[in-house]
N, C-alpha and C. Protein backbone atom coordinates (compact mmCIF):
# COMPACT_ATOMS: atom_id res chain seq x y z
N UNK A 1 104.93 11.85 -67.07
CA UNK A 1 106.07 12.51 -66.50
C UNK A 1 106.69 13.48 -67.50
N UNK A 2 106.79 13.10 -68.75
CA UNK A 2 107.40 13.97 -69.75
C UNK A 2 106.55 15.21 -69.99
N UNK A 3 105.22 15.10 -69.79
CA UNK A 3 104.34 16.26 -69.94
C UNK A 3 104.66 17.33 -68.92
N UNK A 4 104.94 16.95 -67.69
CA UNK A 4 105.29 17.90 -66.64
C UNK A 4 106.65 18.55 -66.92
N UNK A 5 107.60 17.78 -67.42
CA UNK A 5 108.90 18.32 -67.77
C UNK A 5 108.76 19.35 -68.87
N UNK A 6 107.93 19.04 -69.84
CA UNK A 6 107.69 19.97 -70.95
C UNK A 6 107.06 21.25 -70.42
N UNK A 7 106.09 21.15 -69.53
CA UNK A 7 105.44 22.33 -68.97
C UNK A 7 106.46 23.16 -68.18
N UNK A 8 107.33 22.52 -67.44
CA UNK A 8 108.35 23.22 -66.67
C UNK A 8 109.31 23.96 -67.61
N UNK A 9 109.68 23.30 -68.68
CA UNK A 9 110.57 23.92 -69.67
C UNK A 9 109.90 25.17 -70.26
N UNK A 10 108.63 25.06 -70.62
CA UNK A 10 107.90 26.21 -71.16
C UNK A 10 107.80 27.34 -70.14
N UNK A 11 107.57 26.96 -68.89
CA UNK A 11 107.46 27.97 -67.84
C UNK A 11 108.79 28.70 -67.66
N UNK A 12 109.87 27.97 -67.67
CA UNK A 12 111.19 28.59 -67.53
C UNK A 12 111.46 29.53 -68.69
N UNK A 13 111.15 29.11 -69.90
CA UNK A 13 111.34 29.96 -71.08
C UNK A 13 110.47 31.21 -71.00
N UNK A 14 109.23 31.02 -70.55
CA UNK A 14 108.32 32.16 -70.43
C UNK A 14 108.83 33.15 -69.40
N UNK A 15 109.34 32.65 -68.28
CA UNK A 15 109.87 33.56 -67.25
C UNK A 15 111.09 34.31 -67.76
N UNK A 16 111.94 33.62 -68.50
CA UNK A 16 113.13 34.28 -69.07
C UNK A 16 112.71 35.39 -70.03
N UNK A 17 111.70 35.11 -70.86
CA UNK A 17 111.20 36.13 -71.78
C UNK A 17 110.58 37.30 -71.02
N UNK A 18 109.83 36.99 -69.97
CA UNK A 18 109.22 38.03 -69.15
C UNK A 18 110.29 38.89 -68.51
N UNK A 19 111.33 38.28 -67.97
CA UNK A 19 112.42 39.03 -67.35
C UNK A 19 113.13 39.91 -68.37
N UNK A 20 113.33 39.38 -69.57
CA UNK A 20 113.97 40.15 -70.64
C UNK A 20 113.12 41.36 -71.02
N UNK A 21 111.81 41.14 -71.15
CA UNK A 21 110.91 42.25 -71.49
C UNK A 21 110.88 43.28 -70.37
N UNK A 22 110.87 42.82 -69.12
CA UNK A 22 110.86 43.74 -67.98
C UNK A 22 112.12 44.59 -67.98
N UNK A 23 113.25 44.00 -68.30
CA UNK A 23 114.52 44.73 -68.36
C UNK A 23 114.49 45.75 -69.50
N UNK A 24 113.94 45.36 -70.65
CA UNK A 24 113.83 46.30 -71.78
C UNK A 24 112.94 47.48 -71.41
N UNK A 25 111.83 47.21 -70.74
CA UNK A 25 110.91 48.27 -70.32
C UNK A 25 111.60 49.21 -69.35
N UNK A 26 112.32 48.64 -68.40
CA UNK A 26 113.06 49.44 -67.43
C UNK A 26 114.06 50.35 -68.14
N UNK A 27 114.79 49.81 -69.11
CA UNK A 27 115.77 50.61 -69.86
C UNK A 27 115.10 51.71 -70.67
N UNK A 28 113.95 51.39 -71.28
CA UNK A 28 113.23 52.41 -72.06
C UNK A 28 112.71 53.52 -71.17
N UNK A 29 112.22 53.17 -69.98
CA UNK A 29 111.74 54.20 -69.05
C UNK A 29 112.89 55.11 -68.62
N UNK A 30 114.06 54.53 -68.36
CA UNK A 30 115.22 55.34 -67.99
C UNK A 30 115.62 56.25 -69.14
N UNK A 31 115.61 55.71 -70.35
CA UNK A 31 115.95 56.52 -71.53
C UNK A 31 114.97 57.67 -71.70
N UNK A 32 113.68 57.41 -71.49
CA UNK A 32 112.67 58.46 -71.59
C UNK A 32 112.89 59.52 -70.52
N UNK A 33 113.16 59.08 -69.29
CA UNK A 33 113.44 60.04 -68.22
C UNK A 33 114.66 60.89 -68.55
N UNK A 34 115.69 60.28 -69.12
CA UNK A 34 116.88 61.03 -69.52
C UNK A 34 116.55 62.05 -70.61
N UNK A 35 115.71 61.65 -71.55
CA UNK A 35 115.30 62.57 -72.62
C UNK A 35 114.51 63.74 -72.05
N UNK A 36 113.64 63.45 -71.10
CA UNK A 36 112.85 64.52 -70.48
C UNK A 36 113.76 65.48 -69.73
N UNK A 37 114.73 64.94 -69.00
CA UNK A 37 115.67 65.81 -68.28
C UNK A 37 116.47 66.67 -69.27
N UNK A 38 116.82 66.09 -70.40
CA UNK A 38 117.54 66.86 -71.42
C UNK A 38 116.65 67.99 -71.96
N UNK A 39 115.39 67.68 -72.21
CA UNK A 39 114.47 68.72 -72.68
C UNK A 39 114.33 69.84 -71.66
N UNK A 40 114.25 69.47 -70.39
CA UNK A 40 114.14 70.49 -69.34
C UNK A 40 115.40 71.35 -69.33
N UNK A 41 116.56 70.72 -69.43
CA UNK A 41 117.82 71.47 -69.45
C UNK A 41 117.89 72.40 -70.65
N UNK A 42 117.50 71.92 -71.82
CA UNK A 42 117.51 72.75 -73.02
C UNK A 42 116.53 73.90 -72.87
N UNK A 43 115.38 73.64 -72.28
CA UNK A 43 114.39 74.69 -72.07
C UNK A 43 114.96 75.78 -71.16
N UNK A 44 115.65 75.37 -70.09
CA UNK A 44 116.26 76.35 -69.19
C UNK A 44 117.29 77.19 -69.93
N UNK A 45 118.14 76.53 -70.71
CA UNK A 45 119.17 77.25 -71.46
C UNK A 45 118.57 78.17 -72.51
N UNK A 46 117.58 77.67 -73.24
CA UNK A 46 116.96 78.47 -74.30
C UNK A 46 116.25 79.68 -73.72
N UNK A 47 115.56 79.50 -72.61
CA UNK A 47 114.86 80.62 -72.00
C UNK A 47 115.84 81.62 -71.41
N UNK A 48 116.97 81.11 -70.89
CA UNK A 48 118.00 81.99 -70.33
C UNK A 48 118.68 82.82 -71.41
N UNK A 49 118.84 82.24 -72.59
CA UNK A 49 119.46 82.94 -73.71
C UNK A 49 118.43 83.75 -74.51
N UNK A 50 117.18 83.64 -74.12
CA UNK A 50 116.08 84.28 -74.82
C UNK A 50 115.98 83.81 -76.26
N UNK A 51 116.30 82.54 -76.48
CA UNK A 51 116.16 81.94 -77.81
C UNK A 51 114.73 81.42 -77.91
N UNK A 52 113.86 82.28 -78.35
CA UNK A 52 112.43 82.01 -78.32
C UNK A 52 112.04 80.84 -79.21
N UNK A 53 112.65 80.71 -80.37
CA UNK A 53 112.29 79.63 -81.29
C UNK A 53 112.58 78.27 -80.66
N UNK A 54 113.80 78.10 -80.16
CA UNK A 54 114.15 76.82 -79.52
C UNK A 54 113.31 76.62 -78.26
N UNK A 55 113.20 77.68 -77.46
CA UNK A 55 112.41 77.60 -76.23
C UNK A 55 110.98 77.16 -76.48
N UNK A 56 110.36 77.76 -77.49
CA UNK A 56 108.97 77.39 -77.81
C UNK A 56 108.86 75.95 -78.28
N UNK A 57 109.81 75.53 -79.11
CA UNK A 57 109.79 74.15 -79.60
C UNK A 57 109.93 73.16 -78.45
N UNK A 58 110.93 73.39 -77.60
CA UNK A 58 111.16 72.48 -76.47
C UNK A 58 109.98 72.51 -75.52
N UNK A 59 109.47 73.70 -75.22
CA UNK A 59 108.33 73.79 -74.31
C UNK A 59 107.10 73.10 -74.85
N UNK A 60 106.91 73.12 -76.17
CA UNK A 60 105.76 72.41 -76.75
C UNK A 60 105.93 70.90 -76.58
N UNK A 61 107.17 70.42 -76.71
CA UNK A 61 107.43 68.99 -76.49
C UNK A 61 107.21 68.63 -75.03
N UNK A 62 107.68 69.50 -74.13
CA UNK A 62 107.51 69.25 -72.70
C UNK A 62 106.03 69.22 -72.32
N UNK A 63 105.23 70.08 -72.93
CA UNK A 63 103.81 70.11 -72.58
C UNK A 63 103.12 68.79 -72.93
N UNK A 64 103.60 68.12 -73.96
CA UNK A 64 103.04 66.82 -74.31
C UNK A 64 103.39 65.77 -73.24
N UNK A 65 104.60 65.88 -72.67
CA UNK A 65 105.02 64.96 -71.61
C UNK A 65 104.34 65.28 -70.28
N UNK A 66 103.89 66.50 -70.10
CA UNK A 66 103.33 66.93 -68.82
C UNK A 66 102.10 66.11 -68.43
N UNK A 67 101.42 65.57 -69.40
CA UNK A 67 100.21 64.79 -69.10
C UNK A 67 100.53 63.50 -68.36
N UNK A 68 101.76 62.99 -68.51
CA UNK A 68 102.09 61.69 -67.92
C UNK A 68 103.33 61.69 -67.04
N UNK A 69 104.04 62.81 -66.95
CA UNK A 69 105.27 62.83 -66.18
C UNK A 69 105.25 63.98 -65.17
N UNK A 70 105.25 63.60 -63.90
CA UNK A 70 105.11 64.56 -62.81
C UNK A 70 106.24 65.59 -62.78
N UNK A 71 107.49 65.17 -63.08
CA UNK A 71 108.60 66.12 -63.03
C UNK A 71 108.45 67.22 -64.09
N UNK A 72 107.88 66.89 -65.22
CA UNK A 72 107.66 67.89 -66.27
C UNK A 72 106.56 68.86 -65.81
N UNK A 73 105.51 68.33 -65.23
CA UNK A 73 104.42 69.18 -64.73
C UNK A 73 104.95 70.17 -63.70
N UNK A 74 105.75 69.69 -62.76
CA UNK A 74 106.32 70.57 -61.73
C UNK A 74 107.19 71.65 -62.36
N UNK A 75 108.01 71.25 -63.33
CA UNK A 75 108.89 72.21 -64.00
C UNK A 75 108.08 73.29 -64.70
N UNK A 76 107.11 72.90 -65.47
CA UNK A 76 106.31 73.87 -66.23
C UNK A 76 105.56 74.80 -65.28
N UNK A 77 105.00 74.26 -64.23
CA UNK A 77 104.28 75.11 -63.28
C UNK A 77 105.23 76.09 -62.59
N UNK A 78 106.44 75.64 -62.28
CA UNK A 78 107.43 76.52 -61.64
C UNK A 78 107.87 77.63 -62.58
N UNK A 79 108.15 77.29 -63.82
CA UNK A 79 108.65 78.27 -64.79
C UNK A 79 107.56 79.28 -65.16
N UNK A 80 106.35 78.79 -65.38
CA UNK A 80 105.28 79.69 -65.84
C UNK A 80 104.54 80.37 -64.70
N UNK A 81 104.58 79.76 -63.52
CA UNK A 81 103.81 80.30 -62.40
C UNK A 81 102.32 80.05 -62.57
N UNK A 82 101.97 79.12 -63.48
CA UNK A 82 100.57 78.82 -63.77
C UNK A 82 100.29 77.34 -63.54
N UNK A 83 99.04 77.02 -63.30
CA UNK A 83 98.60 75.63 -63.19
C UNK A 83 98.79 74.95 -64.54
N UNK A 84 99.18 73.69 -64.52
CA UNK A 84 99.47 72.96 -65.76
C UNK A 84 98.28 72.94 -66.72
N UNK A 85 97.06 72.87 -66.18
CA UNK A 85 95.88 72.85 -67.06
C UNK A 85 95.75 74.16 -67.84
N UNK A 86 96.08 75.27 -67.20
CA UNK A 86 96.04 76.57 -67.87
C UNK A 86 97.09 76.62 -68.97
N UNK A 87 98.30 76.15 -68.66
CA UNK A 87 99.39 76.16 -69.64
C UNK A 87 99.03 75.30 -70.85
N UNK A 88 98.49 74.10 -70.60
CA UNK A 88 98.12 73.22 -71.71
C UNK A 88 97.01 73.82 -72.56
N UNK A 89 96.06 74.49 -71.92
CA UNK A 89 94.97 75.14 -72.66
C UNK A 89 95.53 76.28 -73.52
N UNK A 90 96.46 77.06 -72.95
CA UNK A 90 97.07 78.14 -73.72
C UNK A 90 97.86 77.59 -74.91
N UNK A 91 98.59 76.51 -74.68
CA UNK A 91 99.36 75.90 -75.78
C UNK A 91 98.43 75.41 -76.88
N UNK A 92 97.32 74.80 -76.50
CA UNK A 92 96.37 74.31 -77.49
C UNK A 92 95.80 75.47 -78.30
N UNK A 93 95.49 76.58 -77.62
CA UNK A 93 94.96 77.76 -78.31
C UNK A 93 95.99 78.34 -79.27
N UNK A 94 97.26 78.37 -78.85
CA UNK A 94 98.32 78.88 -79.74
C UNK A 94 98.50 77.98 -80.96
N UNK A 95 98.49 76.68 -80.74
CA UNK A 95 98.63 75.75 -81.86
C UNK A 95 97.49 75.92 -82.86
N UNK A 96 96.29 76.11 -82.33
CA UNK A 96 95.14 76.29 -83.21
C UNK A 96 95.26 77.61 -83.98
N UNK A 97 95.69 78.67 -83.30
CA UNK A 97 95.86 79.97 -83.97
C UNK A 97 96.95 79.90 -85.04
N UNK A 98 98.04 79.20 -84.75
CA UNK A 98 99.10 79.06 -85.72
C UNK A 98 98.64 78.24 -86.93
N UNK A 99 97.75 77.28 -86.70
CA UNK A 99 97.21 76.47 -87.78
C UNK A 99 96.31 77.28 -88.70
N UNK A 100 95.72 78.33 -88.16
CA UNK A 100 94.82 79.19 -88.96
C UNK A 100 95.60 80.15 -89.84
N UNK A 101 96.89 80.32 -89.59
CA UNK A 101 97.68 81.30 -90.36
C UNK A 101 97.97 80.86 -91.75
């Protein structure tokens, strides 16, 4: 009988840990989404002000997120008027050219 009680106690503790981890993951995903939205906002402002240095920096960060975040992909495609694969290839070519300097 005590063996079953012990197993139940472990199961309850495991579920509590799982719930805690799930909540942490949920919070981290929200934080990441907020960061992405901030990057998009900064990109809009930088491009509107023609601040090329900031715009390029933010856009390079956004291109890294574009591989896994649909809202970033849509934004980049809308702003550039190009398919995301073309934009990423152009960014890679620019990074390589800058590395050669």
